[in-house]
């Protein structure tokens, strides 16, 4: 009886609809979006003004990188 049940279960997928084949779509991401934006690259700040300049440069670099990541996400789409 168990053998008969196993044979029926193995033949069950053959009764379903045909499987569709999915083909991945290649998306083009521009090369400039794959490079990182530099943050602070100068020497270690010693003054308050230097720290402000370094913090502003880091913020610009991080915002630039975040914008690039968002743009790549829009190009690639949901996965």
PDB file of N, CA and C in Angstrom:
ATOM      1  N   UNK A   1       0.817  -1.188   0.000  1.00  0.00           N
ATOM      2  CA  UNK A   1       0.000   0.000   0.000  1.00  0.00           C
ATOM      3  C   UNK A   1       0.868   1.262   0.000  1.00  0.00           C
ATOM      4  N   UNK A   2       1.926   1.222   0.806  1.00  0.00           N
ATOM      5  CA  UNK A   2       2.823   2.371   0.881  1.00  0.00           C
ATOM      6  C   UNK A   2       3.482   2.637  -0.469  1.00  0.00           C
ATOM      7  N   UNK A   3       3.862   1.585  -1.171  1.00  0.00           N
ATOM      8  CA  UNK A   3       4.481   1.724  -2.483  1.00  0.00           C
ATOM      9  C   UNK A   3       3.518   2.366  -3.472  1.00  0.00           C
ATOM     10  N   UNK A   4       2.274   1.974  -3.433  1.00  0.00           N
ATOM     11  CA  UNK A   4       1.263   2.554  -4.320  1.00  0.00           C
ATOM     12  C   UNK A   4       1.089   4.041  -4.023  1.00  0.00           C
ATOM     13  N   UNK A   5       1.078   4.395  -2.753  1.00  0.00           N
ATOM     14  CA  UNK A   5       0.951   5.795  -2.355  1.00  0.00           C
ATOM     15  C   UNK A   5       2.152   6.607  -2.839  1.00  0.00           C
ATOM     16  N   UNK A   6       3.333   6.053  -2.722  1.00  0.00           N
ATOM     17  CA  UNK A   6       4.543   6.755  -3.168  1.00  0.00           C
ATOM     18  C   UNK A   6       4.530   6.964  -4.678  1.00  0.00           C
ATOM     19  N   UNK A   7       4.064   5.984  -5.426  1.00  0.00           N
ATOM     20  CA  UNK A   7       3.980   6.131  -6.875  1.00  0.00           C
ATOM     21  C   UNK A   7       2.992   7.227  -7.262  1.00  0.00           C
ATOM     22  N   UNK A   8       1.876   7.295  -6.562  1.00  0.00           N
ATOM     23  CA  UNK A   8       0.881   8.334  -6.858  1.00  0.00           C
ATOM     24  C   UNK A   8       1.426   9.723  -6.544  1.00  0.00           C
ATOM     25  N   UNK A   9       2.128   9.844  -5.451  1.00  0.00           N
ATOM     26  CA  UNK A   9       2.677  11.144  -5.048  1.00  0.00           C
ATOM     27  C   UNK A   9       3.754  11.604  -6.023  1.00  0.00           C
ATOM     28  N   UNK A  10       4.563  10.697  -6.524  1.00  0.00           N
ATOM     29  CA  UNK A  10       5.621  11.100  -7.453  1.00  0.00           C
ATOM     30  C   UNK A  10       5.070  11.494  -8.812  1.00  0.00           C
ATOM     31  N   UNK A  11       3.902  10.975  -9.183  1.00  0.00           N
ATOM     32  CA  UNK A  11       3.304  11.313 -10.473  1.00  0.00           C
ATOM     33  C   UNK A  11       2.437  12.564 -10.416  1.00  0.00           C
ATOM     34  N   UNK A  12       2.131  13.041  -9.244  1.00  0.00           N
ATOM     35  CA  UNK A  12       1.258  14.196  -9.080  1.00  0.00           C
ATOM     36  C   UNK A  12       1.791  15.468  -9.741  1.00  0.00           C
ATOM     37  N   UNK A  13       3.073  15.800  -9.649  1.00  0.00           N
ATOM     38  CA  UNK A  13       3.557  17.026 -10.305  1.00  0.00           C
ATOM     39  C   UNK A  13       3.414  17.001 -11.826  1.00  0.00           C
ATOM     40  N   UNK A  14       3.336  15.837 -12.426  1.00  0.00           N
ATOM     41  CA  UNK A  14       3.188  15.754 -13.878  1.00  0.00           C
ATOM     42  C   UNK A  14       1.813  16.228 -14.335  1.00  0.00           C
ATOM     43  N   UNK A  15       0.859  16.300 -13.437  1.00  0.00           N
ATOM     44  CA  UNK A  15      -0.495  16.723 -13.796  1.00  0.00           C
ATOM     45  C   UNK A  15      -0.654  18.239 -13.796  1.00  0.00           C
ATOM     46  N   UNK A  16       0.291  18.950 -13.269  1.00  0.00           N
ATOM     47  CA  UNK A  16       0.169  20.404 -13.152  1.00  0.00           C
ATOM     48  C   UNK A  16       0.453  21.119 -14.461  1.00  0.00           C
ATOM     49  N   UNK A  17       0.398  22.434 -14.395  1.00  0.00           N
ATOM     50  CA  UNK A  17       0.664  23.231 -15.591  1.00  0.00           C
ATOM     51  C   UNK A  17       2.154  23.234 -15.913  1.00  0.00           C
ATOM     52  N   UNK A  18       2.472  23.605 -17.124  1.00  0.00           N
ATOM     53  CA  UNK A  18       3.873  23.622 -17.544  1.00  0.00           C
ATOM     54  C   UNK A  18       4.627  24.726 -16.809  1.00  0.00           C
ATOM     55  N   UNK A  19       5.841  24.442 -16.485  1.00  0.00           N
ATOM     56  CA  UNK A  19       6.678  25.427 -15.810  1.00  0.00           C
ATOM     57  C   UNK A  19       7.162  26.462 -16.812  1.00  0.00           C
ATOM     58  N   UNK A  20       7.098  27.716 -16.436  1.00  0.00           N
ATOM     59  CA  UNK A  20       7.606  28.768 -17.312  1.00  0.00           C
ATOM     60  C   UNK A  20       9.068  29.012 -16.996  1.00  0.00           C
ATOM     61  N   UNK A  21       9.801  29.346 -17.998  1.00  0.00           N
ATOM     62  CA  UNK A  21      11.231  29.600 -17.840  1.00  0.00           C
ATOM     63  C   UNK A  21      11.445  31.102 -17.729  1.00  0.00           C
ATOM     64  N   UNK A  22      12.094  31.530 -16.677  1.00  0.00           N
ATOM     65  CA  UNK A  22      12.364  32.950 -16.508  1.00  0.00           C
ATOM     66  C   UNK A  22      13.761  33.263 -17.018  1.00  0.00           C
ATOM     67  N   UNK A  23      13.859  34.355 -17.718  1.00  0.00           N
ATOM     68  CA  UNK A  23      15.137  34.796 -18.261  1.00  0.00           C
ATOM     69  C   UNK A  23      15.524  36.083 -17.544  1.00  0.00           C
ATOM     70  N   UNK A  24      16.687  36.115 -16.885  1.00  0.00           N
ATOM     71  CA  UNK A  24      17.078  37.335 -16.188  1.00  0.00           C
ATOM     72  C   UNK A  24      17.354  38.469 -17.176  1.00  0.00           C
ATOM     73  N   UNK A  25      16.933  39.649 -16.804  1.00  0.00           N
ATOM     74  CA  UNK A  25      17.136  40.825 -17.639  1.00  0.00           C
ATOM     75  C   UNK A  25      18.376  41.554 -17.142  1.00  0.00           C
ATOM     76  N   UNK A  26      19.272  41.832 -18.050  1.00  0.00           N
ATOM     77  CA  UNK A  26      20.483  42.562 -17.671  1.00  0.00           C
ATOM     78  C   UNK A  26      20.178  44.050 -17.667  1.00  0.00           C
ATOM     79  N   UNK A  27      20.564  44.693 -16.586  1.00  0.00           N
ATOM     80  CA  UNK A  27      20.362  46.134 -16.490  1.00  0.00           C
ATOM     81  C   UNK A  27      21.709  46.828 -16.578  1.00  0.00           C
ATOM     82  N   UNK A  28      21.695  48.003 -17.163  1.00  0.00           N
ATOM     83  CA  UNK A  28      22.923  48.768 -17.328  1.00  0.00           C
ATOM     84  C   UNK A  28      23.018  49.786 -16.201  1.00  0.00           C
ATOM     85  N   UNK A  29      24.099  49.723 -15.440  1.00  0.00           N
ATOM     86  CA  UNK A  29      24.383  50.702 -14.397  1.00  0.00           C
ATOM     87  C   UNK A  29      25.614  51.479 -14.850  1.00  0.00           C
ATOM     88  N   UNK A  30      25.498  52.804 -14.996  1.00  0.00           N
ATOM     89  CA  UNK A  30      26.646  53.596 -15.442  1.00  0.00           C
ATOM     90  C   UNK A  30      27.839  53.451 -14.496  1.00  0.00           C
ATOM     91  N   UNK A  31      29.026  53.514 -15.067  1.00  0.00           N
ATOM     92  CA  UNK A  31      30.251  53.303 -14.293  1.00  0.00           C
ATOM     93  C   UNK A  31      30.451  54.370 -13.222  1.00  0.00           C
ATOM     94  N   UNK A  32      30.003  55.597 -13.476  1.00  0.00           N
ATOM     95  CA  UNK A  32      30.220  56.643 -12.473  1.00  0.00           C
ATOM     96  C   UNK A  32      29.389  56.401 -11.213  1.00  0.00           C
ATOM     97  N   UNK A  33      28.346  55.594 -11.295  1.00  0.00           N
ATOM     98  CA  UNK A  33      27.572  55.270 -10.098  1.00  0.00           C
ATOM     99  C   UNK A  33      28.253  54.202  -9.250  1.00  0.00           C
ATOM    100  N   UNK A  34      29.222  53.510  -9.815  1.00  0.00           N
ATOM    101  CA  UNK A  34      29.908  52.442  -9.090  1.00  0.00           C
ATOM    102  C   UNK A  34      31.169  52.916  -8.381  1.00  0.00           C
ATOM    103  N   UNK A  35      31.509  54.193  -8.524  1.00  0.00           N
ATOM    104  CA  UNK A  35      32.666  54.745  -7.826  1.00  0.00           C
ATOM    105  C   UNK A  35      32.198  55.437  -6.557  1.00  0.00           C
ATOM    106  N   UNK A  36      33.066  55.482  -5.567  1.00  0.00           N
ATOM    107  CA  UNK A  36      32.701  56.128  -4.308  1.00  0.00           C
ATOM    108  C   UNK A  36      33.071  57.601  -4.331  1.00  0.00           C
ATOM    109  N   UNK A  37      32.324  58.369  -3.561  1.00  0.00           N
ATOM    110  CA  UNK A  37      32.631  59.792  -3.408  1.00  0.00           C
ATOM    111  C   UNK A  37      33.560  59.943  -2.207  1.00  0.00           C
ATOM    112  N   UNK A  38      34.614  60.718  -2.344  1.00  0.00           N
ATOM    113  CA  UNK A  38      35.538  60.853  -1.216  1.00  0.00           C
ATOM    114  C   UNK A  38      34.942  61.712  -0.109  1.00  0.00           C
ATOM    115  N   UNK A  39      35.312  61.401   1.087  1.00  0.00           N
ATOM    116  CA  UNK A  39      34.954  62.232   2.233  1.00  0.00           C
ATOM    117  C   UNK A  39      36.127  63.149   2.541  1.00  0.00           C
ATOM    118  N   UNK A  40      36.471  63.276   3.802  1.00  0.00           N
ATOM    119  CA  UNK A  40      37.605  64.102   4.204  1.00  0.00           C
ATOM    120  C   UNK A  40      38.886  63.359   3.891  1.00  0.00           C
ATOM    121  N   UNK A  41      39.757  63.971   3.102  1.00  0.00           N
ATOM    122  CA  UNK A  41      41.021  63.326   2.728  1.00  0.00           C
ATOM    123  C   UNK A  41      42.229  64.109   3.216  1.00  0.00           C
ATOM    124  N   UNK A  42      41.989  65.169   3.934  1.00  0.00           N
ATOM    125  CA  UNK A  42      43.092  66.004   4.407  1.00  0.00           C
ATOM    126  C   UNK A  42      43.720  65.456   5.674  1.00  0.00           C
ATOM    127  N   UNK A  43      44.648  66.225   6.245  1.00  0.00           N
ATOM    128  CA  UNK A  43      45.287  65.793   7.491  1.00  0.00           C
ATOM    129  C   UNK A  43      44.306  65.881   8.664  1.00  0.00           C
ATOM    130  N   UNK A  44      44.719  65.336   9.781  1.00  0.00           N
ATOM    131  CA  UNK A  44      43.868  65.363  10.971  1.00  0.00           C
ATOM    132  C   UNK A  44      43.637  66.811  11.397  1.00  0.00           C
ATOM    133  N   UNK A  45      42.377  67.208  11.580  1.00  0.00           N
ATOM    134  CA  UNK A  45      42.098  68.593  11.953  1.00  0.00           C
ATOM    135  C   UNK A  45      42.607  68.913  13.362  1.00  0.00           C
ATOM    136  N   UNK A  46      43.162  70.099  13.506  1.00  0.00           N
ATOM    137  CA  UNK A  46      43.688  70.535  14.799  1.00  0.00           C
ATOM    138  C   UNK A  46      42.865  71.672  15.399  1.00  0.00           C
ATOM    139  N   UNK A  47      42.093  72.367  14.582  1.00  0.00           N
ATOM    140  CA  UNK A  47      41.323  73.509  15.067  1.00  0.00           C
ATOM    141  C   UNK A  47      39.833  73.235  14.885  1.00  0.00           C
ATOM    142  N   UNK A  48      39.032  74.100  15.508  1.00  0.00           N
ATOM    143  CA  UNK A  48      37.580  73.981  15.366  1.00  0.00           C
ATOM    144  C   UNK A  48      37.175  74.156  13.905  1.00  0.00           C
ATOM    145  N   UNK A  49      37.785  75.110  13.231  1.00  0.00           N
ATOM    146  CA  UNK A  49      37.488  75.330  11.815  1.00  0.00           C
ATOM    147  C   UNK A  49      37.849  74.117  10.971  1.00  0.00           C
ATOM    148  N   UNK A  50      38.955  73.473  11.316  1.00  0.00           N
ATOM    149  CA  UNK A  50      39.357  72.259  10.603  1.00  0.00           C
ATOM    150  C   UNK A  50      38.365  71.123  10.808  1.00  0.00           C
ATOM    151  N   UNK A  51      37.871  71.001  12.058  1.00  0.00           N
ATOM    152  CA  UNK A  51      36.863  69.977  12.333  1.00  0.00           C
ATOM    153  C   UNK A  51      35.569  70.253  11.569  1.00  0.00           C
ATOM    154  N   UNK A  52      35.189  71.519  11.474  1.00  0.00           N
ATOM    155  CA  UNK A  52      33.981  71.873  10.732  1.00  0.00           C
ATOM    156  C   UNK A  52      34.151  71.536   9.253  1.00  0.00           C
ATOM    157  N   UNK A  53      35.317  71.862   8.704  1.00  0.00           N
ATOM    158  CA  UNK A  53      35.584  71.537   7.299  1.00  0.00           C
ATOM    159  C   UNK A  53      35.568  70.024   7.068  1.00  0.00           C
ATOM    160  N   UNK A  54      36.187  69.281   7.996  1.00  0.00           N
ATOM    161  CA  UNK A  54      36.231  67.821   7.858  1.00  0.00           C
ATOM    162  C   UNK A  54      34.828  67.223   7.956  1.00  0.00           C
ATOM    163  N   UNK A  55      34.028  67.729   8.891  1.00  0.00           N
ATOM    164  CA  UNK A  55      32.666  67.213   9.047  1.00  0.00           C
ATOM    165  C   UNK A  55      31.821  67.522   7.815  1.00  0.00           C
ATOM    166  N   UNK A  56      31.983  68.720   7.263  1.00  0.00           N
ATOM    167  CA  UNK A  56      31.222  69.085   6.062  1.00  0.00           C
ATOM    168  C   UNK A  56      31.632  68.213   4.877  1.00  0.00           C
ATOM    169  N   UNK A  57      32.935  67.946   4.745  1.00  0.00           N
ATOM    170  CA  UNK A  57      33.409  67.097   3.648  1.00  0.00           C
ATOM    171  C   UNK A  57      32.894  65.669   3.805  1.00  0.00           C
ATOM    172  N   UNK A  58      32.886  65.161   5.032  1.00  0.00           N
ATOM    173  CA  UNK A  58      32.355  63.813   5.272  1.00  0.00           C
ATOM    174  C   UNK A  58      30.873  63.747   4.944  1.00  0.00           C
ATOM    175  N   UNK A  59      30.130  64.782   5.328  1.00  0.00           N
ATOM    176  CA  UNK A  59      28.694  64.797   5.043  1.00  0.00           C
ATOM    177  C   UNK A  59      28.440  64.822   3.544  1.00  0.00           C
ATOM    178  N   UNK A  60      29.200  65.639   2.817  1.00  0.00           N
ATOM    179  CA  UNK A  60      29.036  65.689   1.357  1.00  0.00           C
ATOM    180  C   UNK A  60      29.327  64.329   0.734  1.00  0.00           C
ATOM    181  N   UNK A  61      30.399  63.681   1.177  1.00  0.00           N
ATOM    182  CA  UNK A  61      30.751  62.365   0.637  1.00  0.00           C
ATOM    183  C   UNK A  61      29.692  61.316   0.928  1.00  0.00           C
ATOM    184  N   UNK A  62      29.167  61.314   2.150  1.00  0.00           N
ATOM    185  CA  UNK A  62      28.150  60.321   2.515  1.00  0.00           C
ATOM    186  C   UNK A  62      26.842  60.565   1.785  1.00  0.00           C
ATOM    187  N   UNK A  63      26.444  61.831   1.634  1.00  0.00           N
ATOM    188  CA  UNK A  63      25.225  62.137   0.885  1.00  0.00           C
ATOM    189  C   UNK A  63      25.374  61.762  -0.586  1.00  0.00           C
ATOM    190  N   UNK A  64      26.551  61.996  -1.140  1.00  0.00           N
ATOM    191  CA  UNK A  64      26.811  61.625  -2.532  1.00  0.00           C
ATOM    192  C   UNK A  64      26.701  60.107  -2.704  1.00  0.00           C
ATOM    193  N   UNK A  65      27.303  59.351  -1.783  1.00  0.00           N
ATOM    194  CA  UNK A  65      27.231  57.886  -1.863  1.00  0.00           C
ATOM    195  C   UNK A  65      25.806  57.383  -1.666  1.00  0.00           C
ATOM    196  N   UNK A  66      25.058  57.990  -0.748  1.00  0.00           N
ATOM    197  CA  UNK A  66      23.671  57.573  -0.527  1.00  0.00           C
ATOM    198  C   UNK A  66      22.825  57.835  -1.769  1.00  0.00           C
ATOM    199  N   UNK A  67      23.065  58.964  -2.429  1.00  0.00           N
ATOM    200  CA  UNK A  67      22.331  59.279  -3.654  1.00  0.00           C
ATOM    201  C   UNK A  67      22.642  58.265  -4.748  1.00  0.00           C
ATOM    202  N   UNK A  68      23.907  57.863  -4.849  1.00  0.00           N
ATOM    203  CA  UNK A  68      24.286  56.866  -5.855  1.00  0.00           C
ATOM    204  C   UNK A  68      23.617  55.525  -5.578  1.00  0.00           C
ATOM    205  N   UNK A  69      23.560  55.137  -4.307  1.00  0.00           N
ATOM    206  CA  UNK A  69      22.928  53.866  -3.951  1.00  0.00           C
ATOM    207  C   UNK A  69      21.444  53.904  -4.278  1.00  0.00           C
ATOM    208  N   UNK A  70      20.782  55.021  -3.981  1.00  0.00           N
ATOM    209  CA  UNK A  70      19.358  55.146  -4.305  1.00  0.00           C
ATOM    210  C   UNK A  70      19.127  55.088  -5.815  1.00  0.00           C
ATOM    211  N   UNK A  71      20.013  55.706  -6.580  1.00  0.00           N
ATOM    212  CA  UNK A  71      19.875  55.688  -8.037  1.00  0.00           C
ATOM    213  C   UNK A  71      20.057  54.275  -8.581  1.00  0.00           C
ATOM    214  N   UNK A  72      21.038  53.555  -8.064  1.00  0.00           N
ATOM    215  CA  UNK A  72      21.255  52.169  -8.492  1.00  0.00           C
ATOM    216  C   UNK A  72      20.041  51.315  -8.125  1.00  0.00           C
ATOM    217  N   UNK A  73      19.467  51.545  -6.950  1.00  0.00           N
ATOM    218  CA  UNK A  73      18.279  50.785  -6.542  1.00  0.00           C
ATOM    219  C   UNK A  73      17.109  51.051  -7.483  1.00  0.00           C
ATOM    220  N   UNK A  74      16.956  52.291  -7.948  1.00  0.00           N
ATOM    221  CA  UNK A  74      15.881  52.596  -8.896  1.00  0.00           C
ATOM    222  C   UNK A  74      16.130  51.928 -10.246  1.00  0.00           C
ATOM    223  N   UNK A  75      17.398  51.878 -10.673  1.00  0.00           N
ATOM    224  CA  UNK A  75      17.728  51.256 -11.963  1.00  0.00           C
ATOM    225  C   UNK A  75      17.485  49.749 -11.903  1.00  0.00           C
ATOM    226  N   UNK A  76      17.971  49.111 -10.850  1.00  0.00           N
ATOM    227  CA  UNK A  76      17.880  47.659 -10.736  1.00  0.00           C
ATOM    228  C   UNK A  76      16.449  47.228 -10.418  1.00  0.00           C
ATOM    229  N   UNK A  77      15.763  47.980  -9.596  1.00  0.00           N
ATOM    230  CA  UNK A  77      14.393  47.639  -9.233  1.00  0.00           C
ATOM    231  C   UNK A  77      14.351  46.653  -8.085  1.00  0.00           C
ATOM    232  N   UNK A  78      13.139  46.310  -7.640  1.00  0.00           N
ATOM    233  CA  UNK A  78      13.012  45.370  -6.519  1.00  0.00           C
ATOM    234  C   UNK A  78      13.447  43.969  -6.924  1.00  0.00           C
ATOM    235  N   UNK A  79      14.068  43.295  -5.999  1.00  0.00           N
ATOM    236  CA  UNK A  79      14.549  41.937  -6.262  1.00  0.00           C
ATOM    237  C   UNK A  79      13.726  40.940  -5.515  1.00  0.00           C
TER     238      UNK A  79
END
